[in-house]
Amino acid sequence: MMALVWTGYVRYLCSIAGLLLLSLSPAGVVALEAPPAGRVPDHSQDLPAWFKPSFLDIPEDVAEAAGQGKRLMLFFHQDGCGACQRFYDENFGDQAIVNTTQRYFDVVAIDINGNRALVDMQGRDSYENQFARRIKGQVTPTVMFLNERAEIILRIPGFIPRERFMQALKYVAEHREQQLGFDEYLERQR
């Protein structure tokens, strides 16, 4: 817990130092490395309000979720994605799925075209779009579930029906990946 507080404090100090540097520089201009080109999202598809607001520090998000007895779900999306909208409407529109998700997971949205700064699972600095490419989250929607060590334990590319998504939620929430693979789990559910 102290490490999380310290991390937040360091970020705060860095942001204050950046503002101070900007105000003291000649003509108020400092050359900073620009993030990679990316469009500004139009948010035409609003994410569910109950998704976790995040600074996109994945190890920190994993630790916060674990501290609440939850796991982290990464939801990769992009504006204008019809399959994403279907996922929101059909899966996140189902109250049983919403209740299960909120009880067992923190959900963090990753825009595959976004350029927000991000810290990946290994603690490396990156941006949303680079991270999505690196971990093969470019099909939208893609849902990735992480364990308490920030390792991907289940990846679901594309839209899947409610029933199967609920099975995925239960599989990960119950830590079943420690006993069997997801396909075997699904076979046993029949």
Protein backbone atom coordinates (compact mmCIF):
# COMPACT_ATOMS: atom_id res chain seq x y z
CA MET A 1 0.00 0.00 0.00
CA MET A 2 2.84 2.36 0.84
CA ALA A 3 4.34 1.74 -2.61
CA LEU A 4 1.07 2.83 -4.25
CA VAL A 5 0.97 6.02 -2.19
CA TRP A 6 4.64 6.69 -2.99
CA THR A 7 4.04 6.11 -6.73
CA GLY A 8 1.15 8.58 -6.71
CA TYR A 9 3.23 11.13 -4.81
CA VAL A 10 6.13 10.80 -7.28
CA ARG A 11 3.75 11.33 -10.23
CA TYR A 12 2.36 14.42 -8.50
CA LEU A 13 5.85 15.83 -7.95
CA CYS A 14 6.82 15.12 -11.57
CA SER A 15 3.78 16.98 -12.86
CA ILE A 16 4.54 19.97 -10.60
CA ALA A 17 8.20 19.92 -11.72
CA GLY A 18 7.10 19.89 -15.38
CA LEU A 19 4.88 22.93 -14.86
CA LEU A 20 7.66 24.72 -13.01
CA LEU A 21 10.14 23.93 -15.78
CA LEU A 22 7.71 25.23 -18.37
CA SER A 23 7.22 28.51 -16.50
CA LEU A 24 10.98 29.07 -16.00
CA SER A 25 12.12 28.28 -19.54
CA PRO A 26 12.85 31.05 -22.07
CA ALA A 27 9.62 32.05 -23.78
CA GLY A 28 7.84 29.39 -21.73
CA VAL A 29 8.66 26.63 -24.22
CA VAL A 30 10.27 23.31 -23.40
CA ALA A 31 11.03 20.67 -26.01
CA LEU A 32 9.38 17.47 -24.87
CA GLU A 33 9.17 14.21 -26.77
CA ALA A 34 5.76 14.11 -28.41
CA PRO A 35 3.64 10.99 -28.18
CA PRO A 36 3.26 9.01 -31.39
CA ALA A 37 0.70 10.33 -33.84
CA GLY A 38 -2.81 9.31 -32.95
CA ARG A 39 -6.17 10.79 -33.47
CA VAL A 40 -8.13 12.41 -30.72
CA PRO A 41 -10.99 10.05 -29.90
CA ASP A 42 -14.43 11.44 -30.59
CA HIS A 43 -16.03 9.22 -27.91
CA SER A 44 -18.99 8.57 -30.16
CA GLN A 45 -19.25 5.28 -28.34
CA ASP A 46 -19.23 6.12 -24.68
CA LEU A 47 -17.73 3.49 -22.43
CA PRO A 48 -19.80 2.23 -19.52
CA ALA A 49 -19.63 4.71 -16.63
CA TRP A 50 -18.59 1.95 -14.25
CA PHE A 51 -15.30 1.27 -16.08
CA LYS A 52 -12.37 2.18 -13.85
CA PRO A 53 -10.82 5.61 -14.39
CA SER A 54 -7.12 4.86 -14.76
CA PHE A 55 -3.76 6.55 -15.26
CA LEU A 56 -3.00 3.47 -17.41
CA ASP A 57 -0.32 2.16 -15.07
CA ILE A 58 -1.16 -1.52 -15.55
CA PRO A 59 0.91 -2.89 -12.61
CA GLU A 60 -0.71 -0.30 -10.34
CA ASP A 61 -4.19 -1.17 -11.64
CA VAL A 62 -3.49 -4.89 -11.08
CA ALA A 63 -2.33 -4.19 -7.51
CA GLU A 64 -5.37 -2.03 -6.76
CA ALA A 65 -7.72 -4.70 -8.12
CA ALA A 66 -5.95 -7.44 -6.15
CA GLY A 67 -6.17 -5.31 -3.01
CA GLN A 68 -9.96 -5.43 -3.41
CA GLY A 69 -10.02 -9.16 -4.14
CA LYS A 70 -10.59 -8.48 -7.85
CA ARG A 71 -8.75 -9.07 -11.10
CA LEU A 72 -8.02 -6.65 -13.92
CA MET A 73 -9.84 -6.78 -17.25
CA LEU A 74 -8.43 -4.76 -20.16
CA PHE A 75 -11.03 -3.79 -22.76
CA PHE A 76 -9.45 -2.86 -26.12
CA HIS A 77 -11.73 -0.73 -28.29
CA GLN A 78 -11.80 1.99 -30.92
CA ASP A 79 -14.27 4.64 -31.97
CA GLY A 80 -16.58 3.62 -34.78
CA CYS A 81 -16.24 -0.09 -33.99
CA GLY A 82 -19.57 -1.82 -34.64
CA ALA A 83 -18.54 -4.98 -32.79
CA CYS A 84 -17.54 -2.83 -29.78
CA GLN A 85 -20.95 -1.18 -29.78
CA ARG A 86 -22.60 -4.60 -29.97
CA PHE A 87 -20.45 -5.73 -27.02
CA TYR A 88 -21.55 -2.68 -25.00
CA ASP A 89 -25.21 -3.14 -25.91
CA GLU A 90 -25.53 -6.91 -25.58
CA ASN A 91 -22.94 -7.92 -22.99
CA PHE A 92 -22.55 -4.80 -20.88
CA GLY A 93 -26.27 -4.18 -21.34
CA ASP A 94 -27.01 -7.42 -19.45
CA GLN A 95 -27.40 -6.66 -15.73
CA ALA A 96 -26.15 -10.10 -14.64
CA ILE A 97 -22.93 -9.55 -16.61
CA VAL A 98 -22.56 -6.02 -15.22
CA ASN A 99 -23.06 -7.28 -11.65
CA THR A 100 -20.55 -10.12 -12.09
CA THR A 101 -18.03 -7.86 -13.77
CA GLN A 102 -18.26 -5.16 -11.10
CA ARG A 103 -18.03 -7.70 -8.30
CA TYR A 104 -14.93 -9.55 -9.56
CA PHE A 105 -13.10 -7.16 -11.89
CA ASP A 106 -11.80 -3.67 -12.42
CA VAL A 107 -12.20 -2.83 -16.12
CA VAL A 108 -9.74 -0.49 -17.83
CA ALA A 109 -10.38 0.68 -21.40
CA ILE A 110 -7.54 0.84 -23.92
CA ASP A 111 -8.12 2.75 -27.17
CA ILE A 112 -6.07 0.93 -29.82
CA ASN A 113 -5.62 4.22 -31.69
CA GLY A 114 -5.11 6.28 -28.57
CA ASN A 115 -1.94 8.10 -27.60
CA ARG A 116 -2.33 8.32 -23.84
CA ALA A 117 0.82 7.39 -21.92
CA LEU A 118 0.76 3.93 -20.39
CA VAL A 119 2.94 1.72 -18.20
CA ASP A 120 2.77 -1.89 -19.42
CA MET A 121 2.78 -5.12 -17.42
CA GLN A 122 6.59 -5.17 -17.28
CA GLY A 123 6.75 -1.57 -16.07
CA ARG A 124 7.83 -0.15 -19.45
CA ASP A 125 6.59 3.26 -20.59
CA SER A 126 4.48 3.13 -23.72
CA TYR A 127 1.36 4.56 -25.36
CA GLU A 128 -2.03 2.92 -25.86
CA ASN A 129 -1.57 2.33 -29.60
CA GLN A 130 1.95 0.88 -29.19
CA PHE A 131 0.84 -1.32 -26.30
CA ALA A 132 -2.16 -2.66 -28.26
CA ARG A 133 0.13 -3.64 -31.16
CA ARG A 134 2.75 -5.21 -28.90
CA ILE A 135 0.36 -7.48 -27.02
CA LYS A 136 -1.88 -8.22 -30.02
CA GLY A 137 -4.91 -6.32 -28.81
CA GLN A 138 -5.65 -4.74 -32.18
CA VAL A 139 -8.81 -6.69 -33.00
CA THR A 140 -11.68 -4.78 -31.46
CA PRO A 141 -13.15 -5.46 -29.16
CA THR A 142 -10.58 -7.60 -27.36
CA VAL A 143 -10.91 -8.46 -23.70
CA MET A 144 -7.82 -9.53 -21.75
CA PHE A 145 -7.90 -10.77 -18.20
CA LEU A 146 -4.80 -10.40 -16.04
CA ASN A 147 -3.86 -12.33 -12.93
CA GLU A 148 -2.33 -10.87 -9.78
CA ARG A 149 1.17 -11.02 -11.36
CA ALA A 150 -0.02 -8.89 -14.32
CA GLU A 151 0.12 -11.89 -16.68
CA ILE A 152 -2.49 -12.42 -19.38
CA ILE A 153 -4.55 -15.47 -18.44
CA LEU A 154 -7.31 -15.20 -21.02
CA ARG A 155 -7.60 -13.26 -24.26
CA ILE A 156 -10.94 -12.95 -26.07
CA PRO A 157 -10.62 -11.29 -29.49
CA GLY A 158 -13.81 -10.00 -31.08
CA PHE A 159 -17.42 -10.09 -30.02
CA ILE A 160 -18.70 -13.15 -28.17
CA PRO A 161 -22.28 -13.90 -27.11
CA ARG A 162 -23.51 -13.15 -23.58
CA GLU A 163 -23.54 -16.76 -22.41
CA ARG A 164 -19.95 -17.39 -23.40
CA PHE A 165 -18.78 -14.07 -21.98
CA MET A 166 -20.45 -14.91 -18.66
CA GLN A 167 -18.60 -18.25 -18.73
CA ALA A 168 -15.33 -16.37 -19.29
CA LEU A 169 -16.08 -14.07 -16.35
CA LYS A 170 -16.75 -17.03 -14.07
CA TYR A 171 -13.69 -18.93 -15.32
CA VAL A 172 -11.37 -16.03 -14.47
CA ALA A 173 -13.19 -14.93 -11.28
CA GLU A 174 -12.96 -18.49 -9.89
CA HIS A 175 -9.24 -18.75 -10.81
CA ARG A 176 -10.03 -21.82 -12.89
CA GLU A 177 -7.08 -21.14 -15.20
CA GLN A 178 -4.96 -22.75 -12.50
CA GLN A 179 -6.65 -26.12 -13.13
CA LEU A 180 -7.62 -26.16 -16.82
CA GLY A 181 -7.65 -24.19 -20.06
CA PHE A 182 -10.68 -22.14 -21.08
CA ASP A 183 -11.69 -24.49 -23.93
CA GLU A 184 -11.66 -27.46 -21.53
CA TYR A 185 -13.65 -25.41 -19.03
CA LEU A 186 -16.27 -24.68 -21.70
CA GLU A 187 -16.46 -28.39 -22.62
CA ARG A 188 -17.13 -29.30 -18.98
CA GLN A 189 -19.91 -26.71 -18.81
CA ARG A 190 -21.94 -28.48 -21.51
